[in-house]
Amino acid sequence: MRKKDIQIFNSEIAPVIEERANELGVNIADEDAYPFGRDDSEVKLGRAGRYGFGYYNKFPCYAPWTHSLIDFNGLVYVCCMTREQIQPLGDVRKQSFKEIWEGAAYRQIRLNMHPPALKPCQRCDDFIVENKKIWETIGPY
């Protein structure tokens, strides 16, 4: 989106999202209402498709310990952002999910999640709320 479009979104749409969430008693993260960022530095990253606003440059993503994506062909990836970006971690048509989850490829990907995370992670804003809560709970490793 153009900077002008993001400014319109932030001034006209995001406040309505926040207001409606509050009316419904839904607790949303700032990133949910303002996915393209609030300040100029975040908007610059958002325009470049880096919706995590640099979070994964400083903090790990814990998705490889909590999540998987199995595509329509049975190929297993850490998440939707890594599909077609990295090699599949396994194939459920050829081995059990447990074998894949506990296997060498998953172990290696978990080691690679420490900052900076994988390149596809730089575009991702999924799991940031969850990752922040995990980080607050366990702190530096």
N, C-alpha and C. Protein backbone atom coordinates (compact mmCIF):
# COMPACT_ATOMS: atom_id res chain seq x y z
N MET A 1 0.84 -1.19 0.00
CA MET A 1 0.00 0.00 0.00
C MET A 1 0.88 1.24 0.00
N ARG A 2 0.35 2.28 -0.57
CA ARG A 2 1.06 3.56 -0.57
C ARG A 2 0.98 4.18 0.83
N LYS A 3 1.93 5.04 1.12
CA LYS A 3 1.96 5.70 2.43
C LYS A 3 0.64 6.43 2.69
N LYS A 4 0.12 7.09 1.67
CA LYS A 4 -1.14 7.81 1.78
C LYS A 4 -2.28 6.87 2.14
N ASP A 5 -2.30 5.67 1.52
CA ASP A 5 -3.35 4.69 1.82
C ASP A 5 -3.26 4.21 3.27
N ILE A 6 -2.05 4.00 3.74
CA ILE A 6 -1.86 3.58 5.13
C ILE A 6 -2.31 4.68 6.09
N GLN A 7 -2.03 5.92 5.76
CA GLN A 7 -2.47 7.03 6.60
C GLN A 7 -3.99 7.07 6.68
N ILE A 8 -4.65 6.85 5.56
CA ILE A 8 -6.12 6.81 5.55
C ILE A 8 -6.62 5.64 6.38
N PHE A 9 -6.01 4.47 6.17
CA PHE A 9 -6.39 3.29 6.96
C PHE A 9 -6.25 3.58 8.45
N ASN A 10 -5.09 4.15 8.84
CA ASN A 10 -4.82 4.41 10.26
C ASN A 10 -5.74 5.47 10.85
N SER A 11 -6.18 6.43 10.05
CA SER A 11 -7.03 7.48 10.61
C SER A 11 -8.52 7.15 10.54
N GLU A 12 -8.93 6.33 9.55
CA GLU A 12 -10.35 6.09 9.35
C GLU A 12 -10.81 4.66 9.70
N ILE A 13 -9.98 3.69 9.45
CA ILE A 13 -10.40 2.29 9.61
C ILE A 13 -9.92 1.70 10.93
N ALA A 14 -8.64 1.84 11.24
CA ALA A 14 -8.08 1.24 12.46
C ALA A 14 -8.81 1.70 13.72
N PRO A 15 -9.13 2.99 13.87
CA PRO A 15 -9.87 3.38 15.09
C PRO A 15 -11.24 2.71 15.20
N VAL A 16 -11.89 2.45 14.07
CA VAL A 16 -13.18 1.77 14.09
C VAL A 16 -12.99 0.32 14.53
N ILE A 17 -11.92 -0.30 14.07
CA ILE A 17 -11.62 -1.68 14.49
C ILE A 17 -11.42 -1.72 16.00
N GLU A 18 -10.61 -0.80 16.52
CA GLU A 18 -10.38 -0.75 17.98
C GLU A 18 -11.68 -0.50 18.74
N GLU A 19 -12.46 0.46 18.27
CA GLU A 19 -13.71 0.81 18.95
C GLU A 19 -14.68 -0.37 18.96
N ARG A 20 -14.81 -1.02 17.82
CA ARG A 20 -15.73 -2.16 17.73
C ARG A 20 -15.27 -3.31 18.61
N ALA A 21 -13.99 -3.56 18.64
CA ALA A 21 -13.44 -4.61 19.51
C ALA A 21 -13.76 -4.30 20.97
N ASN A 22 -13.57 -3.04 21.36
CA ASN A 22 -13.88 -2.63 22.73
C ASN A 22 -15.36 -2.81 23.05
N GLU A 23 -16.23 -2.44 22.11
CA GLU A 23 -17.67 -2.61 22.30
C GLU A 23 -18.03 -4.08 22.52
N LEU A 24 -17.34 -4.95 21.81
CA LEU A 24 -17.62 -6.38 21.91
C LEU A 24 -16.88 -7.06 23.06
N GLY A 25 -16.03 -6.29 23.74
CA GLY A 25 -15.24 -6.86 24.83
C GLY A 25 -14.11 -7.74 24.35
N VAL A 26 -13.68 -7.51 23.12
CA VAL A 26 -12.59 -8.28 22.54
C VAL A 26 -11.28 -7.53 22.76
N ASN A 27 -10.34 -8.21 23.36
CA ASN A 27 -9.04 -7.60 23.61
C ASN A 27 -8.15 -7.87 22.40
N ILE A 28 -7.79 -6.83 21.66
CA ILE A 28 -6.95 -7.02 20.49
C ILE A 28 -5.61 -6.34 20.69
N ALA A 29 -4.61 -6.85 20.03
CA ALA A 29 -3.28 -6.24 20.07
C ALA A 29 -3.26 -5.04 19.13
N ASP A 30 -2.37 -4.12 19.39
CA ASP A 30 -2.22 -2.95 18.55
C ASP A 30 -1.97 -3.35 17.09
N GLU A 31 -1.21 -4.43 16.91
CA GLU A 31 -0.88 -4.89 15.56
C GLU A 31 -2.12 -5.35 14.79
N ASP A 32 -3.16 -5.76 15.52
CA ASP A 32 -4.38 -6.20 14.86
C ASP A 32 -5.14 -5.03 14.24
N ALA A 33 -5.17 -3.91 14.91
CA ALA A 33 -5.87 -2.74 14.38
C ALA A 33 -5.00 -1.94 13.42
N TYR A 34 -3.70 -1.94 13.67
CA TYR A 34 -2.76 -1.16 12.85
C TYR A 34 -1.70 -2.08 12.22
N PRO A 35 -2.11 -2.98 11.33
CA PRO A 35 -1.17 -3.96 10.79
C PRO A 35 -0.06 -3.36 9.93
N PHE A 36 -0.23 -2.13 9.47
CA PHE A 36 0.79 -1.51 8.63
C PHE A 36 1.68 -0.56 9.43
N GLY A 37 1.50 -0.54 10.74
CA GLY A 37 2.31 0.31 11.62
C GLY A 37 1.62 1.60 11.97
N ARG A 38 2.12 2.21 13.03
CA ARG A 38 1.57 3.49 13.48
C ARG A 38 2.49 4.65 13.15
N ASP A 39 3.77 4.52 13.52
CA ASP A 39 4.68 5.63 13.30
C ASP A 39 5.41 5.47 11.95
N ASP A 40 6.16 6.49 11.57
CA ASP A 40 6.80 6.49 10.25
C ASP A 40 7.74 5.30 10.04
N SER A 41 8.48 4.92 11.09
CA SER A 41 9.43 3.80 10.92
C SER A 41 8.68 2.48 10.69
N GLU A 42 7.57 2.29 11.41
CA GLU A 42 6.78 1.07 11.21
C GLU A 42 6.08 1.09 9.85
N VAL A 43 5.55 2.24 9.46
CA VAL A 43 4.87 2.35 8.18
C VAL A 43 5.85 2.05 7.04
N LYS A 44 7.08 2.51 7.18
CA LYS A 44 8.10 2.23 6.15
C LYS A 44 8.31 0.72 6.02
N LEU A 45 8.42 0.02 7.16
CA LEU A 45 8.58 -1.43 7.13
C LEU A 45 7.32 -2.11 6.61
N GLY A 46 6.16 -1.63 7.01
CA GLY A 46 4.89 -2.19 6.56
C GLY A 46 4.72 -2.06 5.05
N ARG A 47 5.12 -0.93 4.51
CA ARG A 47 5.03 -0.75 3.06
C ARG A 47 5.94 -1.71 2.31
N ALA A 48 7.03 -2.10 2.94
CA ALA A 48 7.97 -3.04 2.33
C ALA A 48 7.54 -4.50 2.56
N GLY A 49 6.38 -4.68 3.21
CA GLY A 49 5.89 -6.03 3.46
C GLY A 49 6.51 -6.67 4.68
N ARG A 50 7.20 -5.90 5.50
CA ARG A 50 7.82 -6.43 6.72
C ARG A 50 6.91 -6.13 7.90
N TYR A 51 5.83 -6.90 7.97
CA TYR A 51 4.77 -6.63 8.93
C TYR A 51 5.15 -6.95 10.37
N GLY A 52 6.25 -7.61 10.57
CA GLY A 52 6.73 -7.87 11.92
C GLY A 52 7.49 -6.68 12.50
N PHE A 53 7.69 -5.64 11.68
CA PHE A 53 8.37 -4.41 12.10
C PHE A 53 9.72 -4.66 12.74
N GLY A 54 10.43 -5.67 12.25
CA GLY A 54 11.77 -5.97 12.76
C GLY A 54 11.81 -6.80 14.03
N TYR A 55 10.65 -7.24 14.51
CA TYR A 55 10.60 -8.00 15.76
C TYR A 55 11.52 -9.22 15.72
N TYR A 56 11.48 -9.94 14.60
CA TYR A 56 12.26 -11.18 14.52
C TYR A 56 13.74 -10.96 14.25
N ASN A 57 14.16 -9.71 14.15
CA ASN A 57 15.59 -9.41 14.13
C ASN A 57 16.17 -9.48 15.54
N LYS A 58 15.30 -9.27 16.53
CA LYS A 58 15.74 -9.20 17.93
C LYS A 58 15.27 -10.37 18.78
N PHE A 59 14.16 -10.98 18.38
CA PHE A 59 13.56 -12.03 19.20
C PHE A 59 13.27 -13.26 18.35
N PRO A 60 13.28 -14.43 18.97
CA PRO A 60 13.00 -15.65 18.20
C PRO A 60 11.50 -15.84 17.97
N CYS A 61 11.21 -16.64 16.97
CA CYS A 61 9.85 -17.10 16.75
C CYS A 61 9.77 -18.50 17.31
N TYR A 62 8.75 -18.75 18.10
CA TYR A 62 8.59 -20.06 18.73
C TYR A 62 7.63 -20.96 17.95
N ALA A 63 7.19 -20.53 16.77
CA ALA A 63 6.28 -21.35 15.98
C ALA A 63 6.80 -22.76 15.73
N PRO A 64 8.11 -22.96 15.50
CA PRO A 64 8.57 -24.34 15.26
C PRO A 64 8.40 -25.28 16.45
N TRP A 65 8.11 -24.73 17.61
CA TRP A 65 7.87 -25.57 18.79
C TRP A 65 6.39 -25.76 19.05
N THR A 66 5.54 -25.00 18.33
CA THR A 66 4.11 -25.03 18.64
C THR A 66 3.21 -25.22 17.43
N HIS A 67 3.76 -25.22 16.23
CA HIS A 67 2.92 -25.08 15.04
C HIS A 67 3.53 -25.82 13.86
N SER A 68 2.68 -26.25 12.95
CA SER A 68 3.10 -26.81 11.66
C SER A 68 2.05 -26.47 10.62
N LEU A 69 2.48 -26.47 9.39
CA LEU A 69 1.56 -26.36 8.27
C LEU A 69 1.76 -27.61 7.42
N ILE A 70 0.69 -28.32 7.18
CA ILE A 70 0.73 -29.46 6.28
C ILE A 70 -0.07 -29.05 5.05
N ASP A 71 0.62 -28.95 3.91
CA ASP A 71 -0.08 -28.47 2.71
C ASP A 71 -0.89 -29.58 2.07
N PHE A 72 -1.58 -29.26 1.00
CA PHE A 72 -2.49 -30.19 0.33
C PHE A 72 -1.78 -31.41 -0.24
N ASN A 73 -0.45 -31.35 -0.40
CA ASN A 73 0.32 -32.49 -0.89
C ASN A 73 0.89 -33.34 0.24
N GLY A 74 0.64 -32.94 1.49
CA GLY A 74 1.17 -33.67 2.63
C GLY A 74 2.55 -33.21 3.06
N LEU A 75 3.06 -32.15 2.44
CA LEU A 75 4.37 -31.62 2.81
C LEU A 75 4.24 -30.77 4.07
N VAL A 76 5.21 -30.90 4.96
CA VAL A 76 5.16 -30.24 6.25
C VAL A 76 6.14 -29.08 6.27
N TYR A 77 5.64 -27.93 6.71
CA TYR A 77 6.44 -26.71 6.86
C TYR A 77 6.21 -26.17 8.27
N VAL A 78 7.08 -25.27 8.69
CA VAL A 78 6.90 -24.64 10.00
C VAL A 78 5.61 -23.84 10.02
N CYS A 79 5.36 -23.08 8.95
CA CYS A 79 4.17 -22.23 8.89
C CYS A 79 3.92 -21.83 7.44
N CYS A 80 2.87 -21.06 7.23
CA CYS A 80 2.52 -20.65 5.86
C CYS A 80 3.58 -19.75 5.24
N MET A 81 4.31 -19.01 6.04
CA MET A 81 5.33 -18.10 5.49
C MET A 81 6.53 -18.87 4.93
N THR A 82 6.76 -20.07 5.40
CA THR A 82 7.93 -20.82 4.94
C THR A 82 7.60 -21.74 3.76
N ARG A 83 6.31 -21.95 3.51
CA ARG A 83 5.92 -22.80 2.38
C ARG A 83 6.44 -22.17 1.09
N GLU A 84 7.08 -22.96 0.29
CA GLU A 84 7.70 -22.54 -0.98
C GLU A 84 8.88 -21.59 -0.79
N GLN A 85 9.27 -21.33 0.45
CA GLN A 85 10.43 -20.48 0.73
C GLN A 85 11.61 -21.31 1.23
N ILE A 86 11.30 -22.40 1.90
CA ILE A 86 12.33 -23.32 2.38
C ILE A 86 11.93 -24.73 1.98
N GLN A 87 12.85 -25.65 2.10
CA GLN A 87 12.55 -27.05 1.79
C GLN A 87 11.53 -27.57 2.82
N PRO A 88 10.62 -28.44 2.38
CA PRO A 88 9.70 -29.04 3.36
C PRO A 88 10.47 -29.82 4.41
N LEU A 89 9.91 -29.88 5.60
CA LEU A 89 10.55 -30.59 6.71
C LEU A 89 10.21 -32.07 6.70
N GLY A 90 9.27 -32.44 5.87
CA GLY A 90 8.89 -33.84 5.75
C GLY A 90 7.65 -33.99 4.90
N ASP A 91 7.20 -35.22 4.77
CA ASP A 91 6.04 -35.55 3.95
C ASP A 91 5.24 -36.62 4.70
N VAL A 92 4.03 -36.26 5.12
CA VAL A 92 3.23 -37.20 5.91
C VAL A 92 2.75 -38.40 5.11
N ARG A 93 2.94 -38.38 3.81
CA ARG A 93 2.60 -39.55 3.00
C ARG A 93 3.71 -40.61 3.09
N LYS A 94 4.89 -40.19 3.56
CA LYS A 94 6.03 -41.10 3.60
C LYS A 94 6.49 -41.43 5.01
N GLN A 95 6.10 -40.61 5.99
CA GLN A 95 6.49 -40.87 7.37
C GLN A 95 5.44 -40.26 8.29
N SER A 96 5.46 -40.67 9.54
CA SER A 96 4.47 -40.14 10.47
C SER A 96 4.80 -38.69 10.83
N PHE A 97 3.75 -37.96 11.24
CA PHE A 97 3.98 -36.59 11.66
C PHE A 97 4.93 -36.55 12.86
N LYS A 98 4.78 -37.49 13.76
CA LYS A 98 5.66 -37.56 14.94
C LYS A 98 7.12 -37.67 14.51
N GLU A 99 7.40 -38.50 13.51
CA GLU A 99 8.78 -38.64 13.02
C GLU A 99 9.29 -37.33 12.44
N ILE A 100 8.43 -36.63 11.73
CA ILE A 100 8.82 -35.33 11.15
C ILE A 100 9.05 -34.32 12.27
N TRP A 101 8.10 -34.21 13.20
CA TRP A 101 8.16 -33.24 14.29
C TRP A 101 9.42 -33.42 15.14
N GLU A 102 9.80 -34.66 15.35
CA GLU A 102 10.97 -34.95 16.18
C GLU A 102 12.24 -35.18 15.36
N GLY A 103 12.16 -35.01 14.05
CA GLY A 103 13.27 -35.33 13.17
C GLY A 103 14.33 -34.25 13.04
N ALA A 104 15.37 -34.60 12.30
CA ALA A 104 16.53 -33.73 12.13
C ALA A 104 16.20 -32.40 11.45
N ALA A 105 15.31 -32.42 10.45
CA ALA A 105 14.98 -31.17 9.73
C ALA A 105 14.29 -30.18 10.66
N TYR A 106 13.36 -30.68 11.47
CA TYR A 106 12.67 -29.78 12.42
C TYR A 106 13.65 -29.28 13.48
N ARG A 107 14.52 -30.16 13.95
CA ARG A 107 15.54 -29.75 14.93
C ARG A 107 16.40 -28.63 14.37
N GLN A 108 16.82 -28.77 13.11
CA GLN A 108 17.68 -27.75 12.50
C GLN A 108 16.94 -26.43 12.34
N ILE A 109 15.70 -26.49 11.91
CA ILE A 109 14.94 -25.25 11.73
C ILE A 109 14.74 -24.54 13.06
N ARG A 110 14.56 -25.31 14.13
CA ARG A 110 14.43 -24.71 15.46
C ARG A 110 15.72 -23.99 15.86
N LEU A 111 16.84 -24.57 15.52
CA LEU A 111 18.13 -23.91 15.82
C LEU A 111 18.29 -22.62 15.03
N ASN A 112 17.70 -22.55 13.86
CA ASN A 112 17.82 -21.38 13.00
C ASN A 112 16.85 -20.26 13.34
N MET A 113 16.01 -20.44 14.32
CA MET A 113 15.01 -19.43 14.65
C MET A 113 15.51 -18.35 15.59
N HIS A 114 16.70 -18.53 16.10
CA HIS A 114 17.23 -17.50 17.00
C HIS A 114 17.63 -16.29 16.18
N PRO A 115 17.44 -15.11 16.71
CA PRO A 115 17.62 -13.89 15.92
C PRO A 115 18.99 -13.82 15.26
N PRO A 116 18.99 -13.33 14.02
CA PRO A 116 17.78 -13.06 13.24
C PRO A 116 17.17 -14.35 12.75
N ALA A 117 15.85 -14.35 12.66
CA ALA A 117 15.12 -15.55 12.25
C ALA A 117 15.24 -15.74 10.74
N LEU A 118 14.55 -16.74 10.24
CA LEU A 118 14.56 -17.03 8.82
C LEU A 118 14.08 -15.83 8.01
N LYS A 119 14.51 -15.73 6.78
CA LYS A 119 14.14 -14.61 5.93
C LYS A 119 12.61 -14.45 5.79
N PRO A 120 11.85 -15.53 5.57
CA PRO A 120 10.39 -15.35 5.47
C PRO A 120 9.77 -14.75 6.74
N CYS A 121 10.42 -14.95 7.88
CA CYS A 121 9.89 -14.43 9.14
C CYS A 121 9.88 -12.90 9.16
N GLN A 122 10.73 -12.29 8.38
CA GLN A 122 10.80 -10.82 8.37
C GLN A 122 9.53 -10.19 7.81
N ARG A 123 8.76 -10.94 7.01
CA ARG A 123 7.52 -10.44 6.45
C ARG A 123 6.32 -10.79 7.31
N CYS A 124 6.51 -11.60 8.32
CA CYS A 124 5.41 -12.19 9.07
C CYS A 124 4.99 -11.36 10.28
N ASP A 125 3.68 -11.30 10.50
CA ASP A 125 3.19 -10.73 11.75
C ASP A 125 2.33 -11.75 12.51
N ASP A 126 2.27 -12.97 11.98
CA ASP A 126 1.57 -14.03 12.70
C ASP A 126 2.38 -14.42 13.93
N PHE A 127 1.72 -14.78 14.97
CA PHE A 127 2.33 -15.30 16.19
C PHE A 127 3.13 -14.26 16.99
N ILE A 128 3.13 -13.00 16.59
CA ILE A 128 3.92 -12.01 17.35
C ILE A 128 3.36 -11.87 18.77
N VAL A 129 2.06 -11.79 18.90
CA VAL A 129 1.46 -11.66 20.23
C VAL A 129 1.85 -12.87 21.09
N GLU A 130 1.71 -14.06 20.50
CA GLU A 130 2.06 -15.28 21.23
C GLU A 130 3.56 -15.32 21.55
N ASN A 131 4.39 -14.95 20.58
CA ASN A 131 5.84 -14.94 20.80
C ASN A 131 6.24 -13.95 21.89
N LYS A 132 5.60 -12.80 21.94
CA LYS A 132 5.90 -11.82 23.00
C LYS A 132 5.55 -12.39 24.37
N LYS A 133 4.41 -13.07 24.45
CA LYS A 133 4.01 -13.67 25.73
C LYS A 133 4.98 -14.77 26.16
N ILE A 134 5.41 -15.59 25.22
CA ILE A 134 6.39 -16.63 25.53
C ILE A 134 7.69 -15.99 26.00
N TRP A 135 8.15 -14.96 25.28
CA TRP A 135 9.40 -14.29 25.63
C TRP A 135 9.30 -13.68 27.03
N GLU A 136 8.17 -13.05 27.33
CA GLU A 136 7.98 -12.47 28.68
C GLU A 136 8.03 -13.55 29.75
N THR A 137 7.54 -14.73 29.42
CA THR A 137 7.48 -15.83 30.38
C THR A 137 8.84 -16.48 30.61
N ILE A 138 9.55 -16.77 29.52
CA ILE A 138 10.81 -17.50 29.69
C ILE A 138 12.05 -16.63 29.64
N GLY A 139 11.93 -15.42 29.07
CA GLY A 139 13.06 -14.51 29.01
C GLY A 139 14.18 -15.01 28.13
N PRO A 140 15.32 -14.35 28.21
CA PRO A 140 16.46 -14.74 27.37
C PRO A 140 16.84 -16.19 27.62
N TYR A 141 17.27 -16.85 26.56
CA TYR A 141 17.64 -18.26 26.65
C TYR A 141 19.09 -18.41 26.96
